Amino acid sequence: MKISEADERWLRLLFGEPYEAKFQSEGTGSAVHVYDRNGDEILTYTTGVGWHEKESKAETQVHGALKAAYYDAYHAARQEINSGIAGMEVQGGFDARA
């Protein structure tokens, strides 16, 4: 089954150009797969699940870099906190670490 011309216009409005959409009707059910200009599948529609968004390779790289930056900052802050606690003294029976 081919995607109709009207559907093609709507897909261009939604996703911009260039994109590619494929309709799959074999197997256990039908689905629509939408690919970005790099050929990464970014969106899928199935009757059982509905729309399912997928990360492109570029988005995965950005999310990986953000996670690494967050982890590095978190790890550095924890080390700073832990080194500060090691030098603290307990005064008056109150444990400042608790």
PDB file of N, CA and C in Angstrom:
ATOM      1  N   MET A   1       0.842  -1.180   0.000  1.00  0.00           N
ATOM      2  CA  MET A   1       0.000   0.000   0.000  1.00  0.00           C
ATOM      3  C   MET A   1       0.886   1.241   0.000  1.00  0.00           C
ATOM      4  N   LYS A   2       0.563   2.177  -0.831  1.00  0.00           N
ATOM      5  CA  LYS A   2       1.324   3.425  -0.907  1.00  0.00           C
ATOM      6  C   LYS A   2       0.638   4.489  -0.056  1.00  0.00           C
ATOM      7  N   ILE A   3       1.434   5.417   0.426  1.00  0.00           N
ATOM      8  CA  ILE A   3       0.894   6.541   1.185  1.00  0.00           C
ATOM      9  C   ILE A   3       0.310   7.534   0.190  1.00  0.00           C
ATOM     10  N   SER A   4      -0.918   7.982   0.446  1.00  0.00           N
ATOM     11  CA  SER A   4      -1.583   8.871  -0.506  1.00  0.00           C
ATOM     12  C   SER A   4      -0.920  10.245  -0.537  1.00  0.00           C
ATOM     13  N   GLU A   5      -1.212  10.996  -1.584  1.00  0.00           N
ATOM     14  CA  GLU A   5      -0.605  12.322  -1.754  1.00  0.00           C
ATOM     15  C   GLU A   5      -1.008  13.264  -0.616  1.00  0.00           C
ATOM     16  N   ALA A   6      -2.265  13.201  -0.171  1.00  0.00           N
ATOM     17  CA  ALA A   6      -2.718  14.051   0.939  1.00  0.00           C
ATOM     18  C   ALA A   6      -1.985  13.687   2.225  1.00  0.00           C
ATOM     19  N   ASP A   7      -1.825  12.386   2.471  1.00  0.00           N
ATOM     20  CA  ASP A   7      -1.082  11.951   3.657  1.00  0.00           C
ATOM     21  C   ASP A   7       0.370  12.398   3.574  1.00  0.00           C
ATOM     22  N   GLU A   8       0.915  12.359   2.382  1.00  0.00           N
ATOM     23  CA  GLU A   8       2.295  12.793   2.153  1.00  0.00           C
ATOM     24  C   GLU A   8       2.454  14.262   2.551  1.00  0.00           C
ATOM     25  N   ARG A   9       1.488  15.102   2.187  1.00  0.00           N
ATOM     26  CA  ARG A   9       1.544  16.530   2.554  1.00  0.00           C
ATOM     27  C   ARG A   9       1.488  16.704   4.068  1.00  0.00           C
ATOM     28  N   TRP A  10       0.620  15.957   4.744  1.00  0.00           N
ATOM     29  CA  TRP A  10       0.522  16.047   6.206  1.00  0.00           C
ATOM     30  C   TRP A  10       1.815  15.593   6.870  1.00  0.00           C
ATOM     31  N   LEU A  11       2.392  14.540   6.374  1.00  0.00           N
ATOM     32  CA  LEU A  11       3.654  14.062   6.946  1.00  0.00           C
ATOM     33  C   LEU A  11       4.752  15.104   6.779  1.00  0.00           C
ATOM     34  N   ARG A  12       4.778  15.782   5.645  1.00  0.00           N
ATOM     35  CA  ARG A  12       5.783  16.842   5.437  1.00  0.00           C
ATOM     36  C   ARG A  12       5.567  17.991   6.410  1.00  0.00           C
ATOM     37  N   LEU A  13       4.299  18.341   6.660  1.00  0.00           N
ATOM     38  CA  LEU A  13       4.005  19.402   7.625  1.00  0.00           C
ATOM     39  C   LEU A  13       4.446  19.000   9.032  1.00  0.00           C
ATOM     40  N   LEU A  14       4.213  17.747   9.386  1.00  0.00           N
ATOM     41  CA  LEU A  14       4.560  17.274  10.732  1.00  0.00           C
ATOM     42  C   LEU A  14       6.059  17.109  10.933  1.00  0.00           C
ATOM     43  N   PHE A  15       6.735  16.510   9.979  1.00  0.00           N
ATOM     44  CA  PHE A  15       8.129  16.117  10.173  1.00  0.00           C
ATOM     45  C   PHE A  15       9.126  16.971   9.404  1.00  0.00           C
ATOM     46  N   GLY A  16       8.647  17.820   8.521  1.00  0.00           N
ATOM     47  CA  GLY A  16       9.567  18.575   7.687  1.00  0.00           C
ATOM     48  C   GLY A  16      10.112  17.688   6.582  1.00  0.00           C
ATOM     49  N   GLU A  17      10.975  18.251   5.797  1.00  0.00           N
ATOM     50  CA  GLU A  17      11.591  17.477   4.726  1.00  0.00           C
ATOM     51  C   GLU A  17      13.075  17.431   4.961  1.00  0.00           C
ATOM     52  N   PRO A  18      13.792  16.518   4.553  1.00  0.00           N
ATOM     53  CA  PRO A  18      13.326  15.272   3.943  1.00  0.00           C
ATOM     54  C   PRO A  18      12.977  14.231   5.007  1.00  0.00           C
ATOM     55  N   TYR A  19      12.139  13.351   4.671  1.00  0.00           N
ATOM     56  CA  TYR A  19      11.758  12.234   5.509  1.00  0.00           C
ATOM     57  C   TYR A  19      11.347  11.104   4.570  1.00  0.00           C
ATOM     58  N   GLU A  20      11.173   9.949   5.149  1.00  0.00           N
ATOM     59  CA  GLU A  20      10.678   8.821   4.362  1.00  0.00           C
ATOM     60  C   GLU A  20       9.736   8.037   5.250  1.00  0.00           C
ATOM     61  N   ALA A  21       8.603   7.647   4.716  1.00  0.00           N
ATOM     62  CA  ALA A  21       7.638   6.847   5.465  1.00  0.00           C
ATOM     63  C   ALA A  21       7.371   5.567   4.689  1.00  0.00           C
ATOM     64  N   LYS A  22       7.308   4.466   5.418  1.00  0.00           N
ATOM     65  CA  LYS A  22       7.028   3.174   4.789  1.00  0.00           C
ATOM     66  C   LYS A  22       5.860   2.521   5.509  1.00  0.00           C
ATOM     67  N   PHE A  23       4.994   1.903   4.744  1.00  0.00           N
ATOM     68  CA  PHE A  23       3.857   1.182   5.286  1.00  0.00           C
ATOM     69  C   PHE A  23       4.154  -0.302   5.205  1.00  0.00           C
ATOM     70  N   GLN A  24       3.986  -0.986   6.345  1.00  0.00           N
ATOM     71  CA  GLN A  24       4.248  -2.430   6.406  1.00  0.00           C
ATOM     72  C   GLN A  24       2.921  -3.131   6.680  1.00  0.00           C
ATOM     73  N   SER A  25       2.560  -4.067   5.828  1.00  0.00           N
ATOM     74  CA  SER A  25       1.291  -4.762   6.025  1.00  0.00           C
ATOM     75  C   SER A  25       1.454  -6.269   6.170  1.00  0.00           C
ATOM     76  N   GLU A  26       2.680  -6.771   6.058  1.00  0.00           N
ATOM     77  CA  GLU A  26       2.891  -8.215   6.190  1.00  0.00           C
ATOM     78  C   GLU A  26       3.043  -8.577   7.666  1.00  0.00           C
ATOM     79  N   GLY A  27       2.973  -9.856   7.932  1.00  0.00           N
ATOM     80  CA  GLY A  27       3.230 -10.336   9.289  1.00  0.00           C
ATOM     81  C   GLY A  27       2.000 -10.244  10.172  1.00  0.00           C
ATOM     82  N   THR A  28       2.230  -9.933  11.442  1.00  0.00           N
ATOM     83  CA  THR A  28       1.151  -9.972  12.424  1.00  0.00           C
ATOM     84  C   THR A  28       0.249  -8.749  12.398  1.00  0.00           C
ATOM     85  N   GLY A  29       0.669  -7.660  11.791  1.00  0.00           N
ATOM     86  CA  GLY A  29      -0.160  -6.462  11.740  1.00  0.00           C
ATOM     87  C   GLY A  29       0.463  -5.413  10.855  1.00  0.00           C
ATOM     88  N   SER A  30      -0.250  -4.318  10.720  1.00  0.00           N
ATOM     89  CA  SER A  30       0.275  -3.253   9.875  1.00  0.00           C
ATOM     90  C   SER A  30       0.954  -2.191  10.728  1.00  0.00           C
ATOM     91  N   ALA A  31       1.868  -1.451  10.107  1.00  0.00           N
ATOM     92  CA  ALA A  31       2.608  -0.401  10.810  1.00  0.00           C
ATOM     93  C   ALA A  31       3.062   0.647   9.808  1.00  0.00           C
ATOM     94  N   VAL A  32       3.294   1.846  10.317  1.00  0.00           N
ATOM     95  CA  VAL A  32       3.896   2.918   9.534  1.00  0.00           C
ATOM     96  C   VAL A  32       5.217   3.260  10.205  1.00  0.00           C
ATOM     97  N   HIS A  33       6.283   3.317   9.429  1.00  0.00           N
ATOM     98  CA  HIS A  33       7.613   3.654   9.940  1.00  0.00           C
ATOM     99  C   HIS A  33       8.049   4.960   9.282  1.00  0.00           C
ATOM    100  N   VAL A  34       8.519   5.911  10.095  1.00  0.00           N
ATOM    101  CA  VAL A  34       8.979   7.200   9.578  1.00  0.00           C
ATOM    102  C   VAL A  34      10.471   7.312   9.859  1.00  0.00           C
ATOM    103  N   TYR A  35      11.237   7.683   8.829  1.00  0.00           N
ATOM    104  CA  TYR A  35      12.692   7.781   8.910  1.00  0.00           C
ATOM    105  C   TYR A  35      13.125   9.224   8.655  1.00  0.00           C
ATOM    106  N   ASP A  36      14.190   9.661   9.325  1.00  0.00           N
ATOM    107  CA  ASP A  36      14.721  11.003   9.077  1.00  0.00           C
ATOM    108  C   ASP A  36      15.657  10.986   7.875  1.00  0.00           C
ATOM    109  N   ARG A  37      16.265  12.137   7.589  1.00  0.00           N
ATOM    110  CA  ARG A  37      17.114  12.250   6.392  1.00  0.00           C
ATOM    111  C   ARG A  37      18.345  11.357   6.461  1.00  0.00           C
ATOM    112  N   ASN A  38      18.745  10.921   7.679  1.00  0.00           N
ATOM    113  CA  ASN A  38      19.907  10.043   7.832  1.00  0.00           C
ATOM    114  C   ASN A  38      19.538   8.567   7.737  1.00  0.00           C
ATOM    115  N   GLY A  39      18.249   8.283   7.577  1.00  0.00           N
ATOM    116  CA  GLY A  39      17.808   6.899   7.494  1.00  0.00           C
ATOM    117  C   GLY A  39      17.501   6.280   8.845  1.00  0.00           C
ATOM    118  N   ASP A  40      17.531   7.091   9.924  1.00  0.00           N
ATOM    119  CA  ASP A  40      17.192   6.584  11.255  1.00  0.00           C
ATOM    120  C   ASP A  40      15.678   6.556  11.413  1.00  0.00           C
ATOM    121  N   GLU A  41      15.155   5.439  11.918  1.00  0.00           N
ATOM    122  CA  GLU A  41      13.722   5.367  12.186  1.00  0.00           C
ATOM    123  C   GLU A  41      13.428   6.223  13.413  1.00  0.00           C
ATOM    124  N   ILE A  42      12.551   7.204  13.273  1.00  0.00           N
ATOM    125  CA  ILE A  42      12.277   8.126  14.369  1.00  0.00           C
ATOM    126  C   ILE A  42      10.866   7.993  14.922  1.00  0.00           C
ATOM    127  N   LEU A  43       9.980   7.319  14.201  1.00  0.00           N
ATOM    128  CA  LEU A  43       8.597   7.215  14.634  1.00  0.00           C
ATOM    129  C   LEU A  43       7.969   5.974  14.023  1.00  0.00           C
ATOM    130  N   THR A  44       7.159   5.295  14.813  1.00  0.00           N
ATOM    131  CA  THR A  44       6.457   4.107  14.338  1.00  0.00           C
ATOM    132  C   THR A  44       5.013   4.173  14.814  1.00  0.00           C
ATOM    133  N   TYR A  45       4.105   3.738  13.985  1.00  0.00           N
ATOM    134  CA  TYR A  45       2.707   3.627  14.393  1.00  0.00           C
ATOM    135  C   TYR A  45       2.245   2.200  14.158  1.00  0.00           C
ATOM    136  N   THR A  46       1.688   1.598  15.208  1.00  0.00           N
ATOM    137  CA  THR A  46       1.045   0.294  15.085  1.00  0.00           C
ATOM    138  C   THR A  46      -0.330   0.390  15.725  1.00  0.00           C
ATOM    139  N   THR A  47      -1.251  -0.443  15.274  1.00  0.00           N
ATOM    140  CA  THR A  47      -2.611  -0.371  15.800  1.00  0.00           C
ATOM    141  C   THR A  47      -2.675  -0.776  17.267  1.00  0.00           C
ATOM    142  N   GLY A  48      -1.829  -1.687  17.697  1.00  0.00           N
ATOM    143  CA  GLY A  48      -1.865  -2.137  19.085  1.00  0.00           C
ATOM    144  C   GLY A  48      -1.262  -1.157  20.068  1.00  0.00           C
ATOM    145  N   VAL A  49      -0.257  -0.394  19.633  1.00  0.00           N
ATOM    146  CA  VAL A  49       0.483   0.498  20.535  1.00  0.00           C
ATOM    147  C   VAL A  49       0.188   1.963  20.246  1.00  0.00           C
ATOM    148  N   GLY A  50      -0.051   2.305  19.007  1.00  0.00           N
ATOM    149  CA  GLY A  50      -0.189   3.704  18.613  1.00  0.00           C
ATOM    150  C   GLY A  50       1.164   4.238  18.182  1.00  0.00           C
ATOM    151  N   TRP A  51       1.377   5.529  18.371  1.00  0.00           N
ATOM    152  CA  TRP A  51       2.638   6.155  17.978  1.00  0.00           C
ATOM    153  C   TRP A  51       3.710   5.861  19.000  1.00  0.00           C
ATOM    154  N   HIS A  52       4.892   5.525  18.516  1.00  0.00           N
ATOM    155  CA  HIS A  52       6.047   5.233  19.377  1.00  0.00           C
ATOM    156  C   HIS A  52       7.244   5.992  18.818  1.00  0.00           C
ATOM    157  N   GLU A  53       7.715   6.975  19.604  1.00  0.00           N
ATOM    158  CA  GLU A  53       8.846   7.794  19.170  1.00  0.00           C
ATOM    159  C   GLU A  53      10.153   7.085  19.487  1.00  0.00           C
ATOM    160  N   LYS A  54      11.117   7.217  18.591  1.00  0.00           N
ATOM    161  CA  LYS A  54      12.434   6.609  18.782  1.00  0.00           C
ATOM    162  C   LYS A  54      13.504   7.677  18.637  1.00  0.00           C
ATOM    163  N   GLU A  55      14.571   7.541  19.407  1.00  0.00           N
ATOM    164  CA  GLU A  55      15.689   8.477  19.297  1.00  0.00           C
ATOM    165  C   GLU A  55      16.469   8.228  18.012  1.00  0.00           C
ATOM    166  N   SER A  56      16.871   9.307  17.373  1.00  0.00           N
ATOM    167  CA  SER A  56      17.779   9.169  16.239  1.00  0.00           C
ATOM    168  C   SER A  56      19.186   8.959  16.794  1.00  0.00           C
ATOM    169  N   LYS A  57      20.116   8.607  15.942  1.00  0.00           N
ATOM    170  CA  LYS A  57      21.505   8.423  16.385  1.00  0.00           C
ATOM    171  C   LYS A  57      22.066   9.730  16.936  1.00  0.00           C
ATOM    172  N   ALA A  58      21.719  10.855  16.309  1.00  0.00           N
ATOM    173  CA  ALA A  58      22.207  12.163  16.775  1.00  0.00           C
ATOM    174  C   ALA A  58      21.655  12.475  18.166  1.00  0.00           C
ATOM    175  N   GLU A  59      20.375  12.187  18.399  1.00  0.00           N
ATOM    176  CA  GLU A  59      19.784  12.421  19.723  1.00  0.00           C
ATOM    177  C   GLU A  59      20.430  11.529  20.774  1.00  0.00           C
ATOM    178  N   THR A  60      20.709  10.284  20.420  1.00  0.00           N
ATOM    179  CA  THR A  60      21.364   9.369  21.350  1.00  0.00           C
ATOM    180  C   THR A  60      22.743   9.887  21.732  1.00  0.00           C
ATOM    181  N   GLN A  61      23.491  10.424  20.776  1.00  0.00           N
ATOM    182  CA  GLN A  61      24.812  10.987  21.071  1.00  0.00           C
ATOM    183  C   GLN A  61      24.702  12.181  22.012  1.00  0.00           C
ATOM    184  N   VAL A  62      23.735  13.062  21.777  1.00  0.00           N
ATOM    185  CA  VAL A  62      23.550  14.230  22.644  1.00  0.00           C
ATOM    186  C   VAL A  62      23.170  13.792  24.050  1.00  0.00           C
ATOM    187  N   HIS A  63      22.231  12.862  24.162  1.00  0.00           N
ATOM    188  CA  HIS A  63      21.821  12.385  25.484  1.00  0.00           C
ATOM    189  C   HIS A  63      22.976  11.712  26.210  1.00  0.00           C
ATOM    190  N   GLY A  64      23.809  10.969  25.493  1.00  0.00           N
ATOM    191  CA  GLY A  64      24.987  10.347  26.104  1.00  0.00           C
ATOM    192  C   GLY A  64      25.956  11.388  26.634  1.00  0.00           C
ATOM    193  N   ALA A  65      26.187  12.452  25.859  1.00  0.00           N
ATOM    194  CA  ALA A  65      27.091  13.524  26.298  1.00  0.00           C
ATOM    195  C   ALA A  65      26.526  14.244  27.516  1.00  0.00           C
ATOM    196  N   LEU A  66      25.211  14.488  27.529  1.00  0.00           N
ATOM    197  CA  LEU A  66      24.591  15.146  28.682  1.00  0.00           C
ATOM    198  C   LEU A  66      24.678  14.278  29.934  1.00  0.00           C
ATOM    199  N   LYS A  67      24.437  12.980  29.779  1.00  0.00           N
ATOM    200  CA  LYS A  67      24.536  12.065  30.925  1.00  0.00           C
ATOM    201  C   LYS A  67      25.958  12.019  31.463  1.00  0.00           C
ATOM    202  N   ALA A  68      26.947  11.999  30.576  1.00  0.00           N
ATOM    203  CA  ALA A  68      28.350  11.966  31.004  1.00  0.00           C
ATOM    204  C   ALA A  68      28.716  13.250  31.739  1.00  0.00           C
ATOM    205  N   ALA A  69      28.264  14.406  31.233  1.00  0.00           N
ATOM    206  CA  ALA A  69      28.555  15.687  31.897  1.00  0.00           C
ATOM    207  C   ALA A  69      27.900  15.732  33.270  1.00  0.00           C
ATOM    208  N   TYR A  70      26.658  15.250  33.367  1.00  0.00           N
ATOM    209  CA  TYR A  70      25.959  15.218  34.653  1.00  0.00           C
ATOM    210  C   TYR A  70      26.687  14.299  35.629  1.00  0.00           C
ATOM    211  N   TYR A  71      27.067  13.111  35.172  1.00  0.00           N
ATOM    212  CA  TYR A  71      27.763  12.162  36.041  1.00  0.00           C
ATOM    213  C   TYR A  71      29.081  12.751  36.532  1.00  0.00           C
ATOM    214  N   ASP A  72      29.852  13.368  35.652  1.00  0.00           N
ATOM    215  CA  ASP A  72      31.131  13.967  36.051  1.00  0.00           C
ATOM    216  C   ASP A  72      30.922  15.048  37.108  1.00  0.00           C
ATOM    217  N   ALA A  73      29.922  15.915  36.916  1.00  0.00           N
ATOM    218  CA  ALA A  73      29.642  16.979  37.886  1.00  0.00           C
ATOM    219  C   ALA A  73      29.163  16.386  39.208  1.00  0.00           C
ATOM    220  N   TYR A  74      28.299  15.378  39.142  1.00  0.00           N
ATOM    221  CA  TYR A  74      27.791  14.730  40.352  1.00  0.00           C
ATOM    222  C   TYR A  74      28.928  14.059  41.116  1.00  0.00           C
ATOM    223  N   HIS A  75      29.773  13.335  40.400  1.00  0.00           N
ATOM    224  CA  HIS A  75      30.890  12.627  41.023  1.00  0.00           C
ATOM    225  C   HIS A  75      31.849  13.619  41.692  1.00  0.00           C
ATOM    226  N   ALA A  76      32.153  14.725  41.027  1.00  0.00           N
ATOM    227  CA  ALA A  76      33.045  15.742  41.600  1.00  0.00           C
ATOM    228  C   ALA A  76      32.423  16.365  42.846  1.00  0.00           C
ATOM    229  N   ALA A  77      31.125  16.646  42.811  1.00  0.00           N
ATOM    230  CA  ALA A  77      30.446  17.226  43.978  1.00  0.00           C
ATOM    231  C   ALA A  77      30.436  16.250  45.146  1.00  0.00           C
ATOM    232  N   ARG A  78      30.192  14.966  44.869  1.00  0.00           N
ATOM    233  CA  ARG A  78      30.197  13.955  45.947  1.00  0.00           C
ATOM    234  C   ARG A  78      31.580  13.844  46.572  1.00  0.00           C
ATOM    235  N   GLN A  79      32.617  13.880  45.761  1.00  0.00           N
ATOM    236  CA  GLN A  79      33.979  13.823  46.301  1.00  0.00           C
ATOM    237  C   GLN A  79      34.255  15.034  47.179  1.00  0.00           C
ATOM    238  N   GLU A  80      33.801  16.189  46.744  1.00  0.00           N
ATOM    239  CA  GLU A  80      34.002  17.411  47.525  1.00  0.00           C
ATOM    240  C   GLU A  80      33.251  17.331  48.855  1.00  0.00           C
ATOM    241  N   ILE A  81      32.029  16.850  48.815  1.00  0.00           N
ATOM    242  CA  ILE A  81      31.244  16.699  50.046  1.00  0.00           C
ATOM    243  C   ILE A  81      31.896  15.688  50.971  1.00  0.00           C
ATOM    244  N   ASN A  82      32.297  14.546  50.424  1.00  0.00           N
ATOM    245  CA  ASN A  82      32.909  13.498  51.247  1.00  0.00           C
ATOM    246  C   ASN A  82      34.240  13.941  51.837  1.00  0.00           C
ATOM    247  N   SER A  83      35.022  14.702  51.108  1.00  0.00           N
ATOM    248  CA  SER A  83      36.300  15.165  51.657  1.00  0.00           C
ATOM    249  C   SER A  83      36.060  16.200  52.749  1.00  0.00           C
ATOM    250  N   GLY A  84      35.006  16.979  52.642  1.00  0.00           N
ATOM    251  CA  GLY A  84      34.663  17.946  53.683  1.00  0.00           C
ATOM    252  C   GLY A  84      34.170  17.270  54.939  1.00  0.00           C
ATOM    253  N   ILE A  85      33.437  16.179  54.801  1.00  0.00           N
ATOM    254  CA  ILE A  85      32.920  15.439  55.957  1.00  0.00           C
ATOM    255  C   ILE A  85      34.053  14.766  56.703  1.00  0.00           C
ATOM    256  N   ALA A  86      35.047  14.272  56.006  1.00  0.00           N
ATOM    257  CA  ALA A  86      36.160  13.574  56.655  1.00  0.00           C
ATOM    258  C   ALA A  86      36.904  14.496  57.612  1.00  0.00           C
ATOM    259  N   GLY A  87      36.942  15.783  57.327  1.00  0.00           N
ATOM    260  CA  GLY A  87      37.655  16.726  58.180  1.00  0.00           C
ATOM    261  C   GLY A  87      36.799  17.317  59.289  1.00  0.00           C
ATOM    262  N   MET A  88      35.512  16.987  59.340  1.00  0.00           N
ATOM    263  CA  MET A  88      34.623  17.553  60.361  1.00  0.00           C
ATOM    264  C   MET A  88      34.818  16.845  61.690  1.00  0.00           C
ATOM    265  N   GLU A  89      34.654  17.602  62.748  1.00  0.00           N
ATOM    266  CA  GLU A  89      34.736  17.026  64.088  1.00  0.00           C
ATOM    267  C   GLU A  89      33.339  16.986  64.678  1.00  0.00           C
ATOM    268  N   VAL A  90      33.093  15.976  65.485  1.00  0.00           N
ATOM    269  CA  VAL A  90      31.828  15.880  66.195  1.00  0.00           C
ATOM    270  C   VAL A  90      31.938  16.780  67.408  1.00  0.00           C
ATOM    271  N   GLN A  91      31.001  17.724  67.558  1.00  0.00           N
ATOM    272  CA  GLN A  91      31.023  18.661  68.673  1.00  0.00           C
ATOM    273  C   GLN A  91      29.721  18.547  69.449  1.00  0.00           C
ATOM    274  N   GLY A  92      29.857  18.468  70.757  1.00  0.00           N
ATOM    275  CA  GLY A  92      28.684  18.460  71.620  1.00  0.00           C
ATOM    276  C   GLY A  92      27.766  17.278  71.401  1.00  0.00           C
ATOM    277  N   GLY A  93      28.282  16.174  70.927  1.00  0.00           N
ATOM    278  CA  GLY A  93      27.465  14.976  70.743  1.00  0.00           C
ATOM    279  C   GLY A  93      26.569  15.024  69.509  1.00  0.00           C
ATOM    280  N   PHE A  94      26.684  16.048  68.677  1.00  0.00           N
ATOM    281  CA  PHE A  94      25.872  16.143  67.462  1.00  0.00           C
ATOM    282  C   PHE A  94      26.710  15.728  66.267  1.00  0.00           C
ATOM    283  N   ASP A  95      26.250  14.739  65.547  1.00  0.00           N
ATOM    284  CA  ASP A  95      26.969  14.256  64.373  1.00  0.00           C
ATOM    285  C   ASP A  95      26.463  15.025  63.155  1.00  0.00           C
ATOM    286  N   ALA A  96      27.308  15.877  62.600  1.00  0.00           N
ATOM    287  CA  ALA A  96      26.911  16.715  61.466  1.00  0.00           C
ATOM    288  C   ALA A  96      26.714  15.909  60.191  1.00  0.00           C
ATOM    289  N   ARG A  97      27.190  14.676  60.150  1.00  0.00           N
ATOM    290  CA  ARG A  97      27.048  13.856  58.943  1.00  0.00           C
ATOM    291  C   ARG A  97      25.652  13.277  58.803  1.00  0.00           C
ATOM    292  N   ALA A  98      24.886  13.199  59.847  1.00  0.00           N
ATOM    293  CA  ALA A  98      23.579  12.548  59.815  1.00  0.00           C
ATOM    294  C   ALA A  98      22.534  13.311  59.089  1.00  0.00           C
TER     295      ALA A  98
END
